[in-house]
Amino acid sequence: MRVVIDTNVFVSSFFGGKPRKVIELWKKGEITICLTPCIIEEYINVLQRLGLEEEPEIGELIGLLAEGYHISFITKTSSLKIVQKDPAHDKFIECAVALKAEAIITGDKGLKAIRDYMGIKILSPEEFLSLFHRSK
């Protein structure tokens, strides 16, 4: 299953809970993460801003990203104007459309309010995990 993971879920995975379970699915090779340079840059900027760059798990994640472990990557996407309240979140939808992801996993209320875009489900980590385990 191809998914786009919003920065809030990626960063929250360092603190445990459902976001960590999503990242563990990726580490086990059960899902493929769809990425663009903008998304990776945002992941890194937020982790640095929060002072998490020294966390041991960062090295592991960067290694997996660098080797392309269960990743689909695209350098350019079409520009969309979907998320009215926070246009910065459009990059996640753009990535999902370009790489034909099945879901966007997010904790952002504005993005979640869309629920579905061109057949791409926009789900919380909890909703995604429930859907993922039902489809197994």
C-alpha atoms as a PDB file:
ATOM      1  CA  MET A   1       0.000   0.000   0.000  1.00  0.00           C
ATOM      2  CA  ARG A   2       1.354   3.408  -1.001  1.00  0.00           C
ATOM      3  CA  VAL A   3       0.872   6.237   1.499  1.00  0.00           C
ATOM      4  CA  VAL A   4       1.920   9.819   2.100  1.00  0.00           C
ATOM      5  CA  ILE A   5       2.751  10.590   5.723  1.00  0.00           C
ATOM      6  CA  ASP A   6       2.171  14.157   6.899  1.00  0.00           C
ATOM      7  CA  THR A   7       4.992  15.722   8.897  1.00  0.00           C
ATOM      8  CA  ASN A   8       2.940  15.785  12.111  1.00  0.00           C
ATOM      9  CA  VAL A   9       2.570  11.995  11.971  1.00  0.00           C
ATOM     10  CA  PHE A  10       6.223  11.418  11.032  1.00  0.00           C
ATOM     11  CA  VAL A  11       7.476  13.581  13.908  1.00  0.00           C
ATOM     12  CA  SER A  12       4.905  12.226  16.386  1.00  0.00           C
ATOM     13  CA  SER A  13       6.217   8.723  15.690  1.00  0.00           C
ATOM     14  CA  PHE A  14       9.240   9.580  17.858  1.00  0.00           C
ATOM     15  CA  PHE A  15       6.910   9.815  20.847  1.00  0.00           C
ATOM     16  CA  GLY A  16       5.107   6.507  20.304  1.00  0.00           C
ATOM     17  CA  GLY A  17       1.432   5.728  19.861  1.00  0.00           C
ATOM     18  CA  LYS A  18      -0.388   5.208  16.571  1.00  0.00           C
ATOM     19  CA  PRO A  19       2.077   7.330  14.536  1.00  0.00           C
ATOM     20  CA  ARG A  20       4.907   5.021  15.614  1.00  0.00           C
ATOM     21  CA  LYS A  21       2.825   2.006  14.554  1.00  0.00           C
ATOM     22  CA  VAL A  22       2.443   3.568  11.091  1.00  0.00           C
ATOM     23  CA  ILE A  23       6.225   4.040  10.797  1.00  0.00           C
ATOM     24  CA  GLU A  24       6.769   0.474  12.032  1.00  0.00           C
ATOM     25  CA  LEU A  25       4.611  -0.790   9.148  1.00  0.00           C
ATOM     26  CA  TRP A  26       6.985   1.021   6.795  1.00  0.00           C
ATOM     27  CA  LYS A  27      10.079  -0.361   8.559  1.00  0.00           C
ATOM     28  CA  LYS A  28       8.619  -3.879   8.161  1.00  0.00           C
ATOM     29  CA  GLY A  29       8.066  -3.242   4.456  1.00  0.00           C
ATOM     30  CA  GLU A  30       4.283  -3.496   4.735  1.00  0.00           C
ATOM     31  CA  ILE A  31       3.640  -0.012   3.321  1.00  0.00           C
ATOM     32  CA  THR A  32       5.507   2.204   0.868  1.00  0.00           C
ATOM     33  CA  ILE A  33       6.009   5.872   1.710  1.00  0.00           C
ATOM     34  CA  CYS A  34       5.558   8.391  -1.100  1.00  0.00           C
ATOM     35  CA  LEU A  35       7.911  11.380  -0.894  1.00  0.00           C
ATOM     36  CA  THR A  36       9.009  14.563  -2.627  1.00  0.00           C
ATOM     37  CA  PRO A  37      12.020  16.763  -1.866  1.00  0.00           C
ATOM     38  CA  CYS A  38       9.684  19.299  -0.184  1.00  0.00           C
ATOM     39  CA  ILE A  39       8.271  16.673   2.170  1.00  0.00           C
ATOM     40  CA  ILE A  40      11.696  15.335   3.147  1.00  0.00           C
ATOM     41  CA  GLU A  41      12.942  18.882   3.712  1.00  0.00           C
ATOM     42  CA  GLU A  42       9.963  19.614   5.971  1.00  0.00           C
ATOM     43  CA  TYR A  43      10.536  16.399   7.962  1.00  0.00           C
ATOM     44  CA  ILE A  44      14.164  17.378   8.583  1.00  0.00           C
ATOM     45  CA  ASN A  45      13.419  21.036   9.385  1.00  0.00           C
ATOM     46  CA  VAL A  46      10.771  20.158  11.965  1.00  0.00           C
ATOM     47  CA  LEU A  47      12.931  17.468  13.588  1.00  0.00           C
ATOM     48  CA  GLN A  48      15.807  19.956  13.871  1.00  0.00           C
ATOM     49  CA  ARG A  49      13.525  22.714  15.189  1.00  0.00           C
ATOM     50  CA  LEU A  50      12.286  20.333  17.900  1.00  0.00           C
ATOM     51  CA  GLY A  51      15.857  19.318  18.766  1.00  0.00           C
ATOM     52  CA  LEU A  52      15.278  15.684  17.828  1.00  0.00           C
ATOM     53  CA  GLU A  53      18.186  15.364  15.394  1.00  0.00           C
ATOM     54  CA  GLU A  54      20.261  13.565  18.052  1.00  0.00           C
ATOM     55  CA  GLU A  55      17.645  10.867  18.656  1.00  0.00           C
ATOM     56  CA  PRO A  56      19.087   7.414  17.815  1.00  0.00           C
ATOM     57  CA  GLU A  57      16.095   6.603  15.637  1.00  0.00           C
ATOM     58  CA  ILE A  58      16.883   9.562  13.342  1.00  0.00           C
ATOM     59  CA  GLY A  59      19.993   7.827  11.991  1.00  0.00           C
ATOM     60  CA  GLU A  60      18.012   4.691  11.261  1.00  0.00           C
ATOM     61  CA  LEU A  61      15.229   6.613   9.499  1.00  0.00           C
ATOM     62  CA  ILE A  62      17.657   8.704   7.455  1.00  0.00           C
ATOM     63  CA  GLY A  63      19.447   5.527   6.447  1.00  0.00           C
ATOM     64  CA  LEU A  64      16.186   3.933   5.296  1.00  0.00           C
ATOM     65  CA  LEU A  65      15.219   7.093   3.404  1.00  0.00           C
ATOM     66  CA  ALA A  66      18.676   7.362   1.797  1.00  0.00           C
ATOM     67  CA  GLU A  67      18.634   3.781   0.555  1.00  0.00           C
ATOM     68  CA  GLY A  68      15.088   4.169  -0.774  1.00  0.00           C
ATOM     69  CA  TYR A  69      13.670   1.474   1.496  1.00  0.00           C
ATOM     70  CA  HIS A  70      10.029   0.974   0.455  1.00  0.00           C
ATOM     71  CA  ILE A  71       9.862   4.503  -0.906  1.00  0.00           C
ATOM     72  CA  SER A  72       8.362   6.001  -4.032  1.00  0.00           C
ATOM     73  CA  PHE A  73       9.947   9.335  -4.847  1.00  0.00           C
ATOM     74  CA  ILE A  74       9.127  12.043  -7.346  1.00  0.00           C
ATOM     75  CA  THR A  75      11.002  15.289  -7.817  1.00  0.00           C
ATOM     76  CA  LYS A  76       8.224  17.341  -9.430  1.00  0.00           C
ATOM     77  CA  THR A  77       4.488  17.368  -8.938  1.00  0.00           C
ATOM     78  CA  SER A  78       1.635  19.384 -10.379  1.00  0.00           C
ATOM     79  CA  SER A  79       0.648  22.392  -8.324  1.00  0.00           C
ATOM     80  CA  LEU A  80      -2.781  22.019  -6.724  1.00  0.00           C
ATOM     81  CA  LYS A  81      -4.785  24.430  -4.610  1.00  0.00           C
ATOM     82  CA  ILE A  82      -6.880  22.181  -2.354  1.00  0.00           C
ATOM     83  CA  VAL A  83      -6.336  22.985   1.342  1.00  0.00           C
ATOM     84  CA  GLN A  84      -7.808  26.468   1.707  1.00  0.00           C
ATOM     85  CA  LYS A  85      -6.907  27.057   5.367  1.00  0.00           C
ATOM     86  CA  ASP A  86      -3.285  25.886   5.037  1.00  0.00           C
ATOM     87  CA  PRO A  87      -1.977  25.750   1.459  1.00  0.00           C
ATOM     88  CA  ALA A  88       1.337  24.330   2.747  1.00  0.00           C
ATOM     89  CA  HIS A  89      -0.495  21.009   3.082  1.00  0.00           C
ATOM     90  CA  ASP A  90      -1.186  20.873  -0.661  1.00  0.00           C
ATOM     91  CA  LYS A  91       2.259  19.259  -1.119  1.00  0.00           C
ATOM     92  CA  PHE A  92       0.972  16.054   0.512  1.00  0.00           C
ATOM     93  CA  ILE A  93      -1.996  15.836  -1.858  1.00  0.00           C
ATOM     94  CA  GLU A  94       0.225  16.696  -4.838  1.00  0.00           C
ATOM     95  CA  CYS A  95       2.599  13.877  -3.890  1.00  0.00           C
ATOM     96  CA  ALA A  96      -0.254  11.401  -3.373  1.00  0.00           C
ATOM     97  CA  VAL A  97      -1.766  12.222  -6.771  1.00  0.00           C
ATOM     98  CA  ALA A  98       1.563  12.063  -8.617  1.00  0.00           C
ATOM     99  CA  LEU A  99       2.589   8.728  -7.080  1.00  0.00           C
ATOM    100  CA  LYS A 100      -0.894   7.189  -6.998  1.00  0.00           C
ATOM    101  CA  ALA A 101      -0.959   6.749  -3.231  1.00  0.00           C
ATOM    102  CA  GLU A 102      -3.969   5.123  -1.644  1.00  0.00           C
ATOM    103  CA  ALA A 103      -3.927   7.255   1.494  1.00  0.00           C
ATOM    104  CA  ILE A 104      -2.568  10.359   3.187  1.00  0.00           C
ATOM    105  CA  ILE A 105      -1.998   9.864   6.904  1.00  0.00           C
ATOM    106  CA  THR A 106      -2.317  13.084   8.885  1.00  0.00           C
ATOM    107  CA  GLY A 107      -3.242  14.615  12.190  1.00  0.00           C
ATOM    108  CA  ASP A 108      -4.067  17.974  10.594  1.00  0.00           C
ATOM    109  CA  LYS A 109      -7.754  18.876  10.941  1.00  0.00           C
ATOM    110  CA  GLY A 110      -7.856  20.956   7.757  1.00  0.00           C
ATOM    111  CA  LEU A 111      -6.374  18.190   5.657  1.00  0.00           C
ATOM    112  CA  LYS A 112      -8.497  15.475   7.321  1.00  0.00           C
ATOM    113  CA  ALA A 113     -11.640  17.511   6.625  1.00  0.00           C
ATOM    114  CA  ILE A 114     -11.173  16.781   2.908  1.00  0.00           C
ATOM    115  CA  ARG A 115     -11.531  13.011   3.681  1.00  0.00           C
ATOM    116  CA  ASP A 116     -11.056  11.918   0.054  1.00  0.00           C
ATOM    117  CA  TYR A 117      -9.393  13.477  -2.957  1.00  0.00           C
ATOM    118  CA  MET A 118      -9.618  11.661  -6.295  1.00  0.00           C
ATOM    119  CA  GLY A 119     -10.043   8.360  -4.464  1.00  0.00           C
ATOM    120  CA  ILE A 120      -7.127   9.022  -2.091  1.00  0.00           C
ATOM    121  CA  LYS A 121      -8.298   8.546   1.487  1.00  0.00           C
ATOM    122  CA  ILE A 122      -7.168  11.192   3.989  1.00  0.00           C
ATOM    123  CA  LEU A 123      -7.011   9.491   7.368  1.00  0.00           C
ATOM    124  CA  SER A 124      -5.761   9.873  10.920  1.00  0.00           C
ATOM    125  CA  PRO A 125      -3.152   7.326  12.023  1.00  0.00           C
ATOM    126  CA  GLU A 126      -5.859   5.472  13.944  1.00  0.00           C
ATOM    127  CA  GLU A 127      -8.208   5.365  10.943  1.00  0.00           C
ATOM    128  CA  PHE A 128      -5.383   4.218   8.689  1.00  0.00           C
ATOM    129  CA  LEU A 129      -4.293   1.428  11.038  1.00  0.00           C
ATOM    130  CA  SER A 130      -7.879   0.194  11.299  1.00  0.00           C
ATOM    131  CA  LEU A 131      -8.280   0.211   7.513  1.00  0.00           C
ATOM    132  CA  PHE A 132      -4.871  -1.436   6.999  1.00  0.00           C
ATOM    133  CA  HIS A 133      -5.554  -4.288   9.416  1.00  0.00           C
ATOM    134  CA  ARG A 134      -9.043  -4.896   7.959  1.00  0.00           C
ATOM    135  CA  SER A 135      -7.559  -5.227   4.475  1.00  0.00           C
ATOM    136  CA  LYS A 136      -5.109  -7.945   5.591  1.00  0.00           C
END
